[in-house]
Amino acid sequence: EELRQASHCSLDEDGRPHAQVLWFWHLMKTLDEDLRSQVLQFVTGNERPPLTGFQALEHPFTVQVGQHLKPLDLPEAHVCFNQLVLPPYTSAEILRDKLLLAVREGREGFQLH
C-alpha cells in the first residue's frame, strides 16, 4: 500500500486511472511477497523498498498505459525511471499472465535460439 500511495499513474480522458493501472494494483494485493518482490525488481531493479520508504525514490514508481504497445505485448519496464508501461490489455487476467511472464523472463534472462 505504501508503494501505491507514493506512485504516479497515467489517467484516462476523464482524469481517472486507466483500468489497466487499477488491475495492476489489484494484482499486487493478491500476489505473495516473493512475487511482489519480483515485480518490484522488474520495475526498479531492487527487490526491496528503500530503507527510508518508497517516497525516497529519486523517480517515483510510475504505472502507465503505453498506447504504442499492442494488446498482447509484454509490459515494458524502464528501471532507471522506476516506470512500468502496460499495454492496453483487455482484461485483468491477460495483464496478470503477461506481467508475470515478463517478470520471470526478465529475471532469468531472454534466450535466443
Foldseek 3Di string as FASTA:
>chain_A
DLLVVQEAEDADPVRHGDPLVVLVVVVLVVDDLVVVLLLQCQAAVGSDAPPVGQNPDPARQYEYEDAVDAQQAAWHHDNVRNYIYHYPHPDSVSNVVRPSVSSVCVVVDDDDD
